């Protein structure tokens, strides 16, 4: 939970620094606040994060993506938000090296992933899914599913704001939203090989600068 709160706090800070502290005019901040609610982050924490992000005391975070190959040739993409890129790249490189992988250059594995946005939305009982899906496509939505009584909308990375606008205009409750890197192909490993890759993922996940880790492991 502490890791989730730290990540959301950075999301809020970056959103405020980019487009201001008013969620009504800042789509990214609205999304960060929704994610905070979904993670049960106390409202006071959210308000403090917004206030701090608006002050001179807030660190400037840089969003950066590192790419490389883990054990057994598995492609790994690491999304980070950091106030010290020198520290972060050194740490990420050390994790790859210790786990039998290697950090690559920009673009070395990015092409193996599709960058998508997603929205999880509370599903009204009387919603016509076919009609909803047709309307959603006009706003950049590409795929619609239902999980745990929630609608899950996927679209291209660049369609985030348009899809968010569509869902809000429909008066639907967004429970969480964000971005994912979906591998275009995956590699099946043996249980022992999977453990090797999992060790790298665990080390990366433990780093406070790391937000998300994506791999091509099946």
Foldseek 3Di string as FASTA:
>chain_A
DVLQLLLLLLQLLQQCVVFHLDCVRGVSNVQSVLQCVLVVNDPVSSVVSSVCSVDPNDQQWDWDKWWWAAPPRKTKIFIFIDSDVVVVVVQLQVLRVVLVIGTDDPPPCLVQWFKKKKWKWQDDPPDDVVVVVVVLVVLFWDDWDADPNIIMTMGHPVSVVSNVVVCVVVVIDTNHMDMDIHGPAADEDDPVRVVSVVSSVVSQSVDSGTDDMDIRHD
